[in-house]
Amino acid sequence: MEMPLAEAALRAGFTKEFDRHVRSLEARSRLILSCTPRDSFVWLLVFNLEVLHGLLNERSFDALSMSYEASPNEAWISIRRTVVATPLLHIAPEPLRLKIISEFQQLIRHGFADSAARSYLAAPQSIRSLLLTQVELLNSPQQKSFSDALQKLRS
C-alpha cells in the first residue's frame, strides 16, 4: 500500500516524502526477506524500488528473477509483475526477457487479457510491436479477448 504513496510523492515532486516512503519500504523488504526469502511479491517490490531509483543493473534484475522463481504461475503476482517488467523488456537479460514475454502470453491465455492490455499500453511503442507478435501466436479467441480488452481501455 505504501508503494503508490511513494510513486505519487515522486510524481508530485515531494522528494522528502518519497525518500521517507522508499526507506520504509526498503527496510521492511529486507526484514521480510530475512524471514521469508522466497516471497515473490517482496522480490518484485525490491525490483520496483530499484526501478524508482533508476538502478537497472544485474542486481535489480536478479530481484525480478527471484520473483519469477518464487512464484512463476500465480496470477495475482503475474498481473503486478507484468505491469512493472514489460516496459523494461528490451533491457532485461535474455532469460528474463523470455519469462516476461511468456508471462504476458499466459495472462491472456488464462483470462486476464485486461491486465495484459494494461501492461501493453504502459509499454513503449517498440515493446508493443514485440508484444503484438506474441499475441499473434495465440489462438483466435485469445487474440480477440486481448483486442477487446485494449479497445475497452482505450475508450
C-alpha atoms as a PDB file:
ATOM      1  CA  MET A   1       0.000   0.000   0.000  1.00  0.00           C
ATOM      2  CA  GLU A   2       2.923   2.327   0.587  1.00  0.00           C
ATOM      3  CA  MET A   3       4.317   1.906  -2.934  1.00  0.00           C
ATOM      4  CA  PRO A   4       1.563   4.000  -4.591  1.00  0.00           C
ATOM      5  CA  LEU A   5       2.190   6.695  -1.975  1.00  0.00           C
ATOM      6  CA  ALA A   6       5.888   6.736  -2.856  1.00  0.00           C
ATOM      7  CA  GLU A   7       5.105   6.903  -6.574  1.00  0.00           C
ATOM      8  CA  ALA A   8       2.593   9.735  -6.021  1.00  0.00           C
ATOM      9  CA  ALA A   9       5.149  11.687  -3.978  1.00  0.00           C
ATOM     10  CA  LEU A  10       7.703  11.210  -6.760  1.00  0.00           C
ATOM     11  CA  ARG A  11       5.265  12.419  -9.436  1.00  0.00           C
ATOM     12  CA  ALA A  12       4.348  15.440  -7.292  1.00  0.00           C
ATOM     13  CA  GLY A  13       7.984  16.312  -6.690  1.00  0.00           C
ATOM     14  CA  PHE A  14       7.814  15.747  -2.924  1.00  0.00           C
ATOM     15  CA  THR A  15      11.297  14.290  -2.653  1.00  0.00           C
ATOM     16  CA  LYS A  16      11.483  14.152   1.136  1.00  0.00           C
ATOM     17  CA  GLU A  17       8.184  12.292   1.338  1.00  0.00           C
ATOM     18  CA  PHE A  18       9.273   9.991  -1.495  1.00  0.00           C
ATOM     19  CA  ASP A  19      12.567   9.243   0.244  1.00  0.00           C
ATOM     20  CA  ARG A  20      10.782   8.514   3.523  1.00  0.00           C
ATOM     21  CA  HIS A  21       8.423   6.023   1.874  1.00  0.00           C
ATOM     22  CA  VAL A  22      11.243   4.372  -0.043  1.00  0.00           C
ATOM     23  CA  ARG A  23      13.419   3.983   3.064  1.00  0.00           C
ATOM     24  CA  SER A  24      10.459   2.448   4.889  1.00  0.00           C
ATOM     25  CA  LEU A  25       9.742   0.042   2.032  1.00  0.00           C
ATOM     26  CA  GLU A  26      13.394  -0.941   1.719  1.00  0.00           C
ATOM     27  CA  ALA A  27      13.722  -1.615   5.442  1.00  0.00           C
ATOM     28  CA  ARG A  28      10.559  -3.698   5.552  1.00  0.00           C
ATOM     29  CA  SER A  29      11.579  -5.595   2.417  1.00  0.00           C
ATOM     30  CA  ARG A  30      14.922  -6.569   3.947  1.00  0.00           C
ATOM     31  CA  LEU A  31      13.172  -7.650   7.149  1.00  0.00           C
ATOM     32  CA  ILE A  32      10.580  -9.755   5.325  1.00  0.00           C
ATOM     33  CA  LEU A  33      13.162 -11.385   3.047  1.00  0.00           C
ATOM     34  CA  SER A  34      15.317 -12.258   6.052  1.00  0.00           C
ATOM     35  CA  CYS A  35      12.375 -14.318   7.352  1.00  0.00           C
ATOM     36  CA  THR A  36      10.803 -15.492   4.086  1.00  0.00           C
ATOM     37  CA  PRO A  37      13.412 -15.341   1.317  1.00  0.00           C
ATOM     38  CA  ARG A  38      11.056 -16.789  -1.311  1.00  0.00           C
ATOM     39  CA  ASP A  39       8.365 -14.112  -1.091  1.00  0.00           C
ATOM     40  CA  SER A  40       7.774 -13.296  -4.752  1.00  0.00           C
ATOM     41  CA  PHE A  41       5.832 -10.117  -4.052  1.00  0.00           C
ATOM     42  CA  VAL A  42       8.625  -8.671  -1.911  1.00  0.00           C
ATOM     43  CA  TRP A  43      11.217  -9.531  -4.576  1.00  0.00           C
ATOM     44  CA  LEU A  44       9.007  -7.670  -7.066  1.00  0.00           C
ATOM     45  CA  LEU A  45       8.815  -4.752  -4.643  1.00  0.00           C
ATOM     46  CA  VAL A  46      12.622  -4.729  -4.365  1.00  0.00           C
ATOM     47  CA  PHE A  47      12.854  -4.650  -8.163  1.00  0.00           C
ATOM     48  CA  ASN A  48      10.291  -1.850  -8.385  1.00  0.00           C
ATOM     49  CA  LEU A  49      12.219   0.176  -5.790  1.00  0.00           C
ATOM     50  CA  GLU A  50      15.374  -0.263  -7.847  1.00  0.00           C
ATOM     51  CA  VAL A  51      13.476   0.982 -10.916  1.00  0.00           C
ATOM     52  CA  LEU A  52      12.252   4.019  -8.958  1.00  0.00           C
ATOM     53  CA  HIS A  53      15.867   4.769  -8.022  1.00  0.00           C
ATOM     54  CA  GLY A  54      16.812   4.481 -11.699  1.00  0.00           C
ATOM     55  CA  LEU A  55      19.001   1.462 -10.967  1.00  0.00           C
ATOM     56  CA  LEU A  56      18.605  -1.044 -13.747  1.00  0.00           C
ATOM     57  CA  ASN A  57      21.531  -3.361 -13.336  1.00  0.00           C
ATOM     58  CA  GLU A  58      22.294  -7.007 -12.661  1.00  0.00           C
ATOM     59  CA  ARG A  59      21.256  -6.715  -9.006  1.00  0.00           C
ATOM     60  CA  SER A  60      17.883  -5.193  -9.840  1.00  0.00           C
ATOM     61  CA  PHE A  61      17.148  -7.805 -12.498  1.00  0.00           C
ATOM     62  CA  ASP A  62      18.226 -10.514 -10.040  1.00  0.00           C
ATOM     63  CA  ALA A  63      15.412  -9.337  -7.764  1.00  0.00           C
ATOM     64  CA  LEU A  64      12.934  -9.688 -10.625  1.00  0.00           C
ATOM     65  CA  SER A  65      14.321 -13.145 -11.407  1.00  0.00           C
ATOM     66  CA  MET A  66      13.798 -14.168  -7.790  1.00  0.00           C
ATOM     67  CA  SER A  67      10.175 -13.079  -8.048  1.00  0.00           C
ATOM     68  CA  TYR A  68       9.720 -15.324 -11.089  1.00  0.00           C
ATOM     69  CA  GLU A  69      11.493 -18.235  -9.417  1.00  0.00           C
ATOM     70  CA  ALA A  70       9.458 -17.956  -6.225  1.00  0.00           C
ATOM     71  CA  SER A  71       6.069 -17.965  -7.953  1.00  0.00           C
ATOM     72  CA  PRO A  72       6.088 -18.453 -11.703  1.00  0.00           C
ATOM     73  CA  ASN A  73       2.391 -19.293 -12.014  1.00  0.00           C
ATOM     74  CA  GLU A  74       0.424 -17.148  -9.577  1.00  0.00           C
ATOM     75  CA  ALA A  75      -1.937 -14.791 -11.384  1.00  0.00           C
ATOM     76  CA  TRP A  76      -2.109 -12.155  -8.648  1.00  0.00           C
ATOM     77  CA  ILE A  77       1.672 -11.660  -8.744  1.00  0.00           C
ATOM     78  CA  SER A  78       1.880 -12.115 -12.534  1.00  0.00           C
ATOM     79  CA  ILE A  79      -0.527  -9.217 -13.035  1.00  0.00           C
ATOM     80  CA  ARG A  80       1.639  -6.912 -10.939  1.00  0.00           C
ATOM     81  CA  ARG A  81       4.928  -8.237 -12.281  1.00  0.00           C
ATOM     82  CA  THR A  82       3.892  -7.758 -15.904  1.00  0.00           C
ATOM     83  CA  VAL A  83       2.966  -4.116 -15.322  1.00  0.00           C
ATOM     84  CA  VAL A  84       6.390  -3.434 -13.802  1.00  0.00           C
ATOM     85  CA  ALA A  85       8.529  -5.624 -16.065  1.00  0.00           C
ATOM     86  CA  THR A  86       7.005  -5.216 -19.529  1.00  0.00           C
ATOM     87  CA  PRO A  87       8.156  -1.610 -20.104  1.00  0.00           C
ATOM     88  CA  LEU A  88      11.730  -2.772 -19.398  1.00  0.00           C
ATOM     89  CA  LEU A  89      11.633  -5.760 -21.721  1.00  0.00           C
ATOM     90  CA  HIS A  90      14.347  -4.512 -24.098  1.00  0.00           C
ATOM     91  CA  ILE A  91      16.934  -4.017 -21.369  1.00  0.00           C
ATOM     92  CA  ALA A  92      16.204  -7.173 -19.398  1.00  0.00           C
ATOM     93  CA  PRO A  93      18.691 -10.039 -19.688  1.00  0.00           C
ATOM     94  CA  GLU A  94      17.640 -12.615 -22.305  1.00  0.00           C
ATOM     95  CA  PRO A  95      16.425 -15.375 -19.916  1.00  0.00           C
ATOM     96  CA  LEU A  96      14.334 -12.832 -18.035  1.00  0.00           C
ATOM     97  CA  ARG A  97      13.034 -11.319 -21.264  1.00  0.00           C
ATOM     98  CA  LEU A  98      11.662 -14.721 -22.229  1.00  0.00           C
ATOM     99  CA  LYS A  99       9.914 -15.030 -18.850  1.00  0.00           C
ATOM    100  CA  ILE A 100       8.333 -11.580 -19.214  1.00  0.00           C
ATOM    101  CA  ILE A 101       7.019 -12.401 -22.688  1.00  0.00           C
ATOM    102  CA  SER A 102       5.777 -15.807 -21.592  1.00  0.00           C
ATOM    103  CA  GLU A 103       4.007 -14.351 -18.580  1.00  0.00           C
ATOM    104  CA  PHE A 104       2.348 -11.726 -20.788  1.00  0.00           C
ATOM    105  CA  GLN A 105       1.016 -14.502 -23.035  1.00  0.00           C
ATOM    106  CA  GLN A 106      -0.046 -16.621 -20.054  1.00  0.00           C
ATOM    107  CA  LEU A 107      -2.154 -13.788 -18.685  1.00  0.00           C
ATOM    108  CA  ILE A 108      -4.088 -13.668 -21.949  1.00  0.00           C
ATOM    109  CA  ARG A 109      -4.353 -17.468 -22.172  1.00  0.00           C
ATOM    110  CA  HIS A 110      -5.767 -17.710 -18.667  1.00  0.00           C
ATOM    111  CA  GLY A 111      -8.399 -14.994 -18.941  1.00  0.00           C
ATOM    112  CA  PHE A 112      -6.506 -11.938 -17.729  1.00  0.00           C
ATOM    113  CA  ALA A 113      -6.449 -10.118 -21.057  1.00  0.00           C
ATOM    114  CA  ASP A 114      -7.392  -6.844 -19.369  1.00  0.00           C
ATOM    115  CA  SER A 115      -4.244  -6.988 -17.234  1.00  0.00           C
ATOM    116  CA  ALA A 116      -2.100  -7.841 -20.246  1.00  0.00           C
ATOM    117  CA  ALA A 117      -3.700  -4.942 -22.128  1.00  0.00           C
ATOM    118  CA  ARG A 118      -2.799  -2.537 -19.299  1.00  0.00           C
ATOM    119  CA  SER A 119       0.799  -3.745 -19.445  1.00  0.00           C
ATOM    120  CA  TYR A 120       0.800  -3.380 -23.201  1.00  0.00           C
ATOM    121  CA  LEU A 121      -0.471   0.206 -23.034  1.00  0.00           C
ATOM    122  CA  ALA A 122       2.148   1.111 -20.402  1.00  0.00           C
ATOM    123  CA  ALA A 123       4.982  -0.135 -22.613  1.00  0.00           C
ATOM    124  CA  PRO A 124       6.930   1.940 -25.155  1.00  0.00           C
ATOM    125  CA  GLN A 125       5.943   1.537 -28.810  1.00  0.00           C
ATOM    126  CA  SER A 126       8.985  -0.600 -29.639  1.00  0.00           C
ATOM    127  CA  ILE A 127       7.946  -3.103 -26.976  1.00  0.00           C
ATOM    128  CA  ARG A 128       4.302  -3.007 -28.048  1.00  0.00           C
ATOM    129  CA  SER A 129       5.196  -4.301 -31.501  1.00  0.00           C
ATOM    130  CA  LEU A 130       7.108  -7.193 -29.916  1.00  0.00           C
ATOM    131  CA  LEU A 131       4.150  -7.974 -27.657  1.00  0.00           C
ATOM    132  CA  LEU A 132       1.754  -7.907 -30.603  1.00  0.00           C
ATOM    133  CA  THR A 133       3.822 -10.547 -32.359  1.00  0.00           C
ATOM    134  CA  GLN A 134       3.378 -12.688 -29.246  1.00  0.00           C
ATOM    135  CA  VAL A 135      -0.379 -12.093 -29.236  1.00  0.00           C
ATOM    136  CA  GLU A 136      -0.490 -13.240 -32.864  1.00  0.00           C
ATOM    137  CA  LEU A 137       0.846 -16.632 -31.724  1.00  0.00           C
ATOM    138  CA  LEU A 138      -2.254 -17.172 -29.563  1.00  0.00           C
ATOM    139  CA  ASN A 139      -5.471 -18.733 -30.802  1.00  0.00           C
ATOM    140  CA  SER A 140      -8.225 -16.562 -32.294  1.00  0.00           C
ATOM    141  CA  PRO A 141     -10.458 -16.337 -29.187  1.00  0.00           C
ATOM    142  CA  GLN A 142      -7.468 -15.287 -27.080  1.00  0.00           C
ATOM    143  CA  GLN A 143      -6.442 -12.687 -29.650  1.00  0.00           C
ATOM    144  CA  LYS A 144      -9.987 -11.343 -29.694  1.00  0.00           C
ATOM    145  CA  SER A 145     -10.079 -11.201 -25.920  1.00  0.00           C
ATOM    146  CA  PHE A 146      -6.891  -9.144 -25.904  1.00  0.00           C
ATOM    147  CA  SER A 147      -8.159  -6.887 -28.696  1.00  0.00           C
ATOM    148  CA  ASP A 148     -11.447  -6.324 -26.850  1.00  0.00           C
ATOM    149  CA  ALA A 149      -9.581  -5.514 -23.626  1.00  0.00           C
ATOM    150  CA  LEU A 150      -7.418  -2.977 -25.477  1.00  0.00           C
ATOM    151  CA  GLN A 151     -10.457  -1.396 -27.063  1.00  0.00           C
ATOM    152  CA  LYS A 152     -12.172  -1.114 -23.690  1.00  0.00           C
ATOM    153  CA  LEU A 153      -9.142   0.530 -22.061  1.00  0.00           C
ATOM    154  CA  ARG A 154      -8.686   2.988 -24.925  1.00  0.00           C
ATOM    155  CA  SER A 155     -12.294   4.217 -24.823  1.00  0.00           C
END
